[in-house]
């Protein structure tokens, strides 16, 4: 008797699971061309002569990432002010900022920061 009830319970659970999965499977079969394609930063993946993005866009996004990482390195300083050696922190921040400012000046002089 217990085995029969156990079998009925397991069978019911399996059937309910299958019945719940069937609508989801049918929805995924009805995908159109745009939904099944990968998203690539606004480029149309279905056009044959795909135009590559400009190096200027890449340069600006790279500068954004570098300055974003710099912010994440300097931002926790007020929280850690009691636990850090101020002289080492000042020297490392001076070095980091000087490298970033020199790189920014170099990018500016090469004209990669000017939008055309």
Protein backbone atom coordinates (compact mmCIF):
# COMPACT_ATOMS: atom_id res chain seq x y z
CA UNK A 1 0.00 0.00 0.00
CA UNK A 2 2.76 2.46 0.89
CA UNK A 3 4.69 1.64 -2.30
CA UNK A 4 1.58 2.29 -4.36
CA UNK A 5 1.04 5.69 -2.72
CA UNK A 6 4.72 6.53 -3.18
CA UNK A 7 4.53 5.56 -6.86
CA UNK A 8 1.38 7.67 -7.36
CA UNK A 9 3.03 10.65 -5.64
CA UNK A 10 6.20 10.41 -7.73
CA UNK A 11 4.18 9.93 -10.92
CA UNK A 12 2.03 12.96 -10.09
CA UNK A 13 5.08 15.12 -9.41
CA UNK A 14 6.71 14.06 -12.66
CA UNK A 15 3.56 14.69 -14.69
CA UNK A 16 3.04 18.11 -13.13
CA UNK A 17 6.65 19.02 -13.89
CA UNK A 18 6.27 17.95 -17.51
CA UNK A 19 3.02 19.86 -17.86
CA UNK A 20 4.69 22.99 -16.49
CA UNK A 21 7.69 22.70 -18.81
CA UNK A 22 5.74 22.16 -22.06
CA UNK A 23 4.53 25.81 -22.44
CA UNK A 24 8.05 27.09 -21.85
CA UNK A 25 9.45 24.82 -24.56
CA UNK A 26 6.77 25.97 -27.01
CA UNK A 27 7.59 29.64 -26.34
CA UNK A 28 11.28 29.12 -27.12
CA UNK A 29 10.44 27.50 -30.47
CA UNK A 30 8.66 30.67 -31.61
CA UNK A 31 11.70 32.94 -31.42
CA UNK A 32 12.16 35.31 -34.29
CA UNK A 33 15.37 36.25 -36.02
CA UNK A 34 16.19 39.26 -33.84
CA UNK A 35 15.62 37.49 -30.56
CA UNK A 36 17.82 34.54 -31.47
CA UNK A 37 20.76 36.72 -32.53
CA UNK A 38 23.45 37.96 -30.15
CA UNK A 39 23.41 41.60 -29.08
CA UNK A 40 26.53 43.36 -30.35
CA UNK A 41 26.51 46.97 -29.15
CA UNK A 42 24.03 48.30 -31.65
CA UNK A 43 25.51 46.64 -34.75
CA UNK A 44 23.12 44.83 -37.06
CA UNK A 45 24.38 41.22 -37.08
CA UNK A 46 22.32 40.35 -40.17
CA UNK A 47 23.89 42.78 -42.60
CA UNK A 48 26.62 41.24 -44.74
CA UNK A 49 29.12 44.13 -44.99
CA UNK A 50 29.57 44.74 -41.28
CA UNK A 51 31.41 47.95 -40.56
CA UNK A 52 33.93 47.72 -37.75
CA UNK A 53 33.74 50.23 -34.94
CA UNK A 54 36.13 53.14 -34.87
CA UNK A 55 39.35 53.05 -32.88
CA UNK A 56 38.25 56.34 -31.28
CA UNK A 57 35.31 54.60 -29.62
CA UNK A 58 37.65 51.90 -28.36
CA UNK A 59 40.11 54.49 -27.02
CA UNK A 60 37.44 56.43 -25.11
CA UNK A 61 35.98 53.26 -23.61
CA UNK A 62 39.46 52.12 -22.57
CA UNK A 63 40.12 55.48 -20.87
CA UNK A 64 36.79 55.18 -19.08
CA UNK A 65 37.71 51.74 -17.77
CA UNK A 66 41.12 52.91 -16.59
CA UNK A 67 39.68 55.87 -14.69
CA UNK A 68 36.90 53.69 -13.32
CA UNK A 69 39.46 51.25 -11.89
CA UNK A 70 41.38 54.19 -10.47
CA UNK A 71 38.26 55.35 -8.65
CA UNK A 72 37.68 51.91 -7.17
CA UNK A 73 41.25 51.89 -5.86
CA UNK A 74 41.04 55.30 -4.20
CA UNK A 75 37.41 55.26 -3.02
CA UNK A 76 37.80 52.97 0.04
CA UNK A 77 40.46 55.23 1.57
CA UNK A 78 38.21 57.01 4.12
CA UNK A 79 37.11 53.66 5.50
CA UNK A 80 40.67 52.34 5.82
CA UNK A 81 42.28 55.55 7.07
CA UNK A 82 43.06 54.05 10.50
CA UNK A 83 44.59 50.85 9.12
CA UNK A 84 46.89 52.13 6.36
CA UNK A 85 50.31 53.74 6.41
CA UNK A 86 49.68 57.25 5.11
CA UNK A 87 53.16 57.73 3.63
CA UNK A 88 52.92 54.54 1.56
CA UNK A 89 49.40 55.41 0.51
CA UNK A 90 50.36 58.94 -0.54
CA UNK A 91 53.35 57.68 -2.54
CA UNK A 92 51.32 55.01 -4.32
CA UNK A 93 48.48 57.46 -5.08
CA UNK A 94 50.97 60.03 -6.34
CA UNK A 95 52.52 57.42 -8.64
CA UNK A 96 49.10 56.21 -9.84
CA UNK A 97 47.79 59.72 -10.49
CA UNK A 98 50.97 60.84 -12.21
CA UNK A 99 50.85 57.86 -14.60
CA UNK A 100 47.17 58.52 -15.31
CA UNK A 101 47.69 62.25 -15.89
CA UNK A 102 50.69 61.65 -18.15
CA UNK A 103 48.66 59.13 -20.16
CA UNK A 104 45.78 61.57 -20.40
CA UNK A 105 48.10 64.33 -21.63
CA UNK A 106 49.57 61.96 -24.20
CA UNK A 107 46.10 60.97 -25.45
CA UNK A 108 45.08 64.63 -25.61
CA UNK A 109 48.16 65.63 -27.63
CA UNK A 110 47.62 62.78 -30.09
CA UNK A 111 44.07 64.03 -30.66
CA UNK A 112 42.30 60.83 -29.71
CA UNK A 113 40.09 62.72 -27.25
CA UNK A 114 38.65 65.05 -29.91
CA UNK A 115 35.32 63.99 -31.42
CA UNK A 116 35.07 64.52 -35.14
